[in-house]
Protein backbone atom coordinates (compact mmCIF):
# COMPACT_ATOMS: atom_id res chain seq x y z
CA MET A 1 0.02 0.21 0.08
CA MET A 2 2.85 2.40 0.78
CA LYS A 3 6.06 2.33 -1.02
CA VAL A 4 9.55 3.92 -0.92
CA PHE A 5 10.33 7.10 1.04
CA VAL A 6 10.65 9.89 -0.97
CA PRO A 7 11.64 13.74 -0.65
CA LEU A 8 8.82 15.83 -2.30
CA PHE A 9 7.90 19.52 -3.05
CA PHE A 10 4.85 20.43 -1.14
CA TYR A 11 2.42 22.28 -3.66
CA LEU A 12 0.58 24.42 -1.24
CA ILE A 13 1.74 27.92 0.10
CA CYS A 14 1.81 28.41 3.74
CA ILE A 15 -0.50 31.05 5.17
CA MET A 16 1.24 32.68 8.30
CA HIS A 17 -0.10 36.21 8.71
CA GLY A 18 -3.06 36.79 10.84
CA PHE A 19 -3.40 33.11 11.71
CA ALA A 20 -4.31 31.98 15.30
CA GLN A 21 -3.71 28.33 16.11
CA SER A 22 -7.22 28.45 17.98
CA ASN A 23 -9.02 29.81 15.37
CA LEU A 24 -9.24 28.93 11.54
CA VAL A 25 -10.99 32.03 10.41
CA VAL A 26 -8.39 33.99 8.53
CA GLU A 27 -8.95 37.31 6.88
CA ASN A 28 -8.45 37.73 3.30
CA THR A 29 -8.37 33.92 2.68
CA GLU A 30 -9.57 34.37 -0.80
CA HIS A 31 -6.66 36.40 -1.57
CA TYR A 32 -4.23 33.78 -0.47
CA LYS A 33 -6.13 30.92 -2.39
CA VAL A 34 -5.69 32.98 -5.48
CA TYR A 35 -2.04 33.47 -4.58
CA ASP A 36 -1.53 29.96 -4.21
CA SER A 37 -2.20 29.37 -8.03
CA PHE A 38 0.73 31.48 -8.88
CA ILE A 39 3.32 29.70 -6.86
CA SER A 40 5.49 27.17 -8.57
CA TYR A 41 6.51 23.99 -6.95
CA GLU A 42 10.24 25.31 -6.46
CA ASN A 43 8.93 28.14 -4.23
CA ASN A 44 7.01 25.94 -1.68
CA ASN A 45 8.08 24.24 1.29
CA VAL A 46 10.12 21.03 1.19
CA PHE A 47 9.01 17.95 3.28
CA ASN A 48 9.32 14.15 3.29
CA GLY A 49 6.42 11.77 2.56
CA LEU A 50 5.44 8.32 1.53
CA GLU A 51 4.07 7.43 -1.88
CA TYR A 52 0.50 6.02 -1.51
CA ILE A 53 -0.47 3.33 -3.85
CA ASP A 54 -4.26 1.93 -3.46
CA ASP A 55 -4.11 -1.86 -3.78
CA TYR A 56 -7.68 -2.58 -2.56
CA ARG A 57 -9.98 -2.91 -5.25
CA SER A 58 -13.79 -2.58 -4.49
CA LEU A 59 -16.70 -4.47 -6.40
CA ASP A 60 -19.11 -1.53 -6.03
CA ILE A 61 -17.74 2.09 -6.77
CA LYS A 62 -19.99 3.49 -3.90
CA ASN A 63 -18.47 1.15 -1.33
CA HIS A 64 -15.01 2.38 -0.68
CA LYS A 65 -12.34 2.74 2.23
CA PHE A 66 -12.55 6.60 2.15
CA TYR A 67 -14.33 9.29 4.20
CA ALA A 68 -17.29 10.80 2.21
CA SER A 69 -15.70 10.11 -1.20
CA SER A 70 -13.23 8.34 -2.97
CA ASP A 71 -12.28 11.36 -5.00
CA PHE A 72 -9.82 13.99 -3.85
CA LEU A 73 -11.67 16.82 -2.36
CA SER A 74 -10.51 20.23 -1.85
CA GLY A 75 -9.79 20.88 1.82
CA PHE A 76 -7.98 22.56 4.75
CA ILE A 77 -5.12 21.06 6.90
CA VAL A 78 -2.83 22.13 9.72
CA TYR A 79 0.61 20.28 8.77
CA ASN A 80 3.70 20.93 10.96
CA GLU A 81 1.64 23.90 12.54
CA GLN A 82 1.35 25.52 9.22
CA PRO A 83 -2.26 26.19 7.70
CA TYR A 84 -2.74 25.04 4.01
CA TYR A 85 -5.81 25.91 2.04
CA ASN A 86 -7.36 24.05 -1.33
CA ALA A 87 -5.37 21.08 -0.63
CA LYS A 88 -6.74 18.02 -2.45
CA MET A 89 -7.06 15.40 0.00
CA LYS A 90 -8.93 12.26 0.97
CA TYR A 91 -9.08 10.24 4.34
CA ASP A 92 -8.27 6.66 4.21
CA LEU A 93 -10.27 4.85 7.01
CA LEU A 94 -8.83 1.57 6.54
CA HIS A 95 -5.36 2.84 7.22
CA ASP A 96 -6.30 5.95 9.17
CA LEU A 97 -4.25 8.10 6.65
CA VAL A 98 -4.55 11.74 5.15
CA ILE A 99 -3.81 11.14 1.34
CA LEU A 100 -2.56 14.38 -0.62
CA GLU A 101 -2.97 14.43 -4.32
CA PHE A 102 0.45 15.11 -5.74
CA VAL A 103 1.48 14.30 -9.38
CA ASN A 104 4.83 14.58 -10.84
CA ASN A 105 7.03 12.09 -12.77
CA LYS A 106 7.80 9.90 -9.80
CA VAL A 107 4.57 9.91 -7.47
CA ALA A 108 0.97 10.32 -8.00
CA ASN A 109 -0.41 10.38 -4.51
CA LEU A 110 1.24 11.16 -1.01
CA SER A 111 0.61 9.67 2.40
CA LEU A 112 1.16 12.55 4.92
CA ASN A 113 3.09 12.03 8.03
CA SER A 114 0.00 11.66 10.53
CA ASN A 115 2.06 12.94 13.70
CA MET A 116 2.38 16.24 11.93
CA ILE A 117 -1.44 16.68 11.35
CA SER A 118 -3.13 18.54 14.17
CA GLN A 119 -6.49 19.09 12.41
CA PHE A 120 -8.02 18.91 8.87
CA VAL A 121 -11.21 19.84 7.11
CA LEU A 122 -12.59 17.73 4.59
CA ASN A 123 -16.23 17.58 3.17
CA ASP A 124 -17.00 20.73 5.54
CA ASP A 125 -16.32 18.29 8.58
CA LYS A 126 -13.72 19.10 11.08
CA PHE A 127 -11.24 16.51 12.27
CA VAL A 128 -8.90 17.10 15.20
CA ARG A 129 -6.25 15.17 16.84
CA LEU A 130 -7.19 14.09 20.42
CA PRO A 131 -4.52 13.55 23.31
CA LYS A 132 -3.88 9.80 23.45
CA THR A 133 -5.28 8.84 26.89
CA THR A 134 -6.16 5.39 28.56
CA SER A 135 -9.68 5.58 27.63
CA LEU A 136 -9.06 6.18 23.99
CA LEU A 137 -6.39 3.58 23.39
CA PRO A 138 -8.45 0.78 22.15
CA PHE A 139 -9.64 2.79 19.01
CA TYR A 140 -6.96 5.69 18.69
CA GLU A 141 -5.17 4.82 15.92
CA ASN A 142 -3.75 7.91 14.36
CA GLY A 143 -5.85 10.13 16.74
CA PHE A 144 -8.16 11.88 14.15
CA PHE A 145 -11.59 12.34 15.60
CA LYS A 146 -14.49 14.18 13.88
CA GLU A 147 -15.55 17.00 15.98
CA ALA A 148 -19.56 16.67 15.97
CA TYR A 149 -20.38 19.05 18.89
CA LYS A 150 -18.59 21.38 21.05
CA GLY A 151 -20.57 23.05 23.66
CA GLU A 152 -19.86 24.74 27.04
CA GLU A 153 -20.15 21.62 29.06
CA TYR A 154 -19.97 18.52 26.48
CA GLU A 155 -18.00 17.86 23.42
CA LEU A 156 -18.80 15.04 21.13
CA TYR A 157 -16.24 13.31 18.93
CA VAL A 158 -16.65 10.45 16.35
CA LYS A 159 -13.94 8.10 15.49
CA TYR A 160 -14.51 6.70 11.85
CA LYS A 161 -12.90 3.23 10.94
CA LYS A 162 -13.42 0.79 8.01
CA GLU A 163 -12.94 -2.73 7.81
CA GLY A 164 -11.80 -4.50 4.62
CA ILE A 165 -13.55 -7.82 3.78
CA GLN A 166 -11.91 -9.86 0.82
CA LYS A 167 -14.04 -11.46 -1.74
CA LEU A 168 -13.17 -13.51 -4.63
CA SER A 169 -14.62 -12.81 -8.04
CA LYS A 170 -13.60 -14.22 -11.44
CA ASN A 171 -10.22 -15.30 -9.81
CA LYS A 172 -9.67 -11.81 -8.65
CA VAL A 173 -9.61 -10.44 -5.05
CA PHE A 174 -11.87 -7.49 -4.32
CA TYR A 175 -12.81 -5.99 -0.94
CA VAL A 176 -16.16 -4.96 0.68
CA PHE A 177 -15.75 -2.44 3.15
CA LYS A 178 -17.83 -2.20 6.54
CA ASP A 179 -18.20 0.97 8.37
CA HIS A 180 -17.52 1.37 12.20
CA GLU A 181 -18.26 4.44 14.33
CA THR A 182 -16.98 5.09 17.93
CA TYR A 183 -18.61 7.88 19.94
CA VAL A 184 -16.46 9.70 22.46
CA LEU A 185 -17.70 12.47 24.99
CA PHE A 186 -15.38 14.96 26.41
CA TYR A 187 -16.89 15.81 29.95
CA LYS A 188 -15.12 17.12 32.97
CA ASN A 189 -11.75 16.85 31.28
CA ILE A 190 -12.06 13.24 30.74
CA TYR A 191 -12.56 11.53 27.26
CA LEU A 192 -14.82 8.44 27.50
CA LYS A 193 -16.64 6.20 25.09
CA ILE A 194 -20.40 6.25 24.88
CA ASN A 195 -22.95 4.09 22.96
CA SER A 196 -26.14 3.68 25.34
CA LYS A 197 -28.39 5.51 27.46
CA LYS A 198 -26.75 3.60 30.41
CA ASP A 199 -23.24 4.91 29.43
CA ILE A 200 -24.53 8.49 29.50
CA ILE A 201 -26.51 8.33 32.66
CA GLU A 202 -23.60 6.98 34.43
CA LEU A 203 -21.53 9.94 33.26
CA ILE A 204 -24.13 12.49 33.94
CA PRO A 205 -26.33 11.07 36.73
CA GLU A 206 -27.75 14.68 37.61
CA LYS A 207 -29.57 14.53 34.20
CA LYS A 208 -31.03 11.01 34.41
CA ALA A 209 -34.70 12.20 33.72
CA GLU A 210 -33.64 14.48 30.65
CA ILE A 211 -31.62 11.76 29.16
CA SER A 212 -34.18 9.03 29.77
CA ASP A 213 -37.15 11.07 28.15
CA TYR A 214 -34.81 11.94 25.22
CA PHE A 215 -33.92 8.39 24.33
CA ASN A 216 -37.75 7.45 24.80
CA SER A 217 -38.90 10.14 22.28
CA ASN A 218 -36.22 9.47 19.80
CA ARG A 219 -36.09 5.87 19.41
CA ARG A 220 -36.59 6.00 15.81
CA LEU A 221 -33.67 8.50 15.20
CA TYR A 222 -31.41 6.41 17.29
CA LYS A 223 -31.78 3.52 14.88
CA LYS A 224 -31.60 5.51 11.80
CA ASN A 225 -29.00 7.96 12.53
CA LYS A 226 -27.08 7.63 15.71
CA TYR A 227 -24.81 10.45 14.80
CA GLN A 228 -27.66 13.04 14.55
CA PHE A 229 -29.33 11.55 17.75
CA PHE A 230 -26.10 12.09 19.77
CA VAL A 231 -25.51 15.63 18.53
CA LYS A 232 -29.20 16.74 19.30
CA LEU A 233 -28.89 14.94 22.80
CA PHE A 234 -26.01 17.06 23.85
CA THR A 235 -27.11 20.17 22.32
CA ASN A 236 -30.39 19.99 24.31
CA LEU A 237 -28.40 19.01 27.46
CA ASN A 238 -26.12 22.01 26.95
C-alpha cells in the first residue's frame, strides 16, 4: 500500500499572517487562495512523504475505504503547525491516513505524516487530533476524530473506521468495506466512550430524567441516524 520514502515539494503555500492556532477563521482567505495558483513547486516548502498506492479494489464504486468520497476533495489542513488551503485530499479510513494528491514524474499520491497533522477539514467536516489517553487507546489509531459537537459543558467526537473484507470474483481479489463508528464524550476533562443510555446516565447522573425522556422520545432517530441522535442530545443538554 505504501512504497518507498521520497522527498517531495509540497504544492501549497503556507499562510502565516493573521493566523491564530485556536481560530481557523483567517481574513483575506480568498486572496491567499488566488495567490496559491501563481506559486511554482520550487517556491514551496519541502517535506518528506510516503508514496501512496491503493491496492484495495472494490466491487462497488460506492463502497470504498475513504471518508465521504473516494475522489480527492478540496480541503484545509494544519500540517507541522502551518495552515494550508485548497489541499486536494482524501481520508483513508482503512489505514487511518490522510492522502494528498501530488502528481509528478515519480509519484501520484502522497501519504502525509500523521504525527505532523493537528487538524483538517474535509467535506466541510472538521477532524482534530485528540490526546492519547487510556480510555481512547483501544480505538485511537492515528488520533483523528471528527468534531461532532462542541458546547460549554460537553464535546462530542466520532472515530470513523472501515474494515476490509476480502471477496473473490472471477479469480480476482476484491474488498467489501464495512463502516464502524465510535462515539466519545469529553466531559469534566475526561474522554469517555459512549454508546447507550446507561453509559451517558453513568457519566451525567444529575440529568438522568432528561436523558431518559430524550431516549424514549427519539428511538427511531437512534436506530436511523445515531450521529444526529447524539448531536441533538448534547445540544439539548447543554
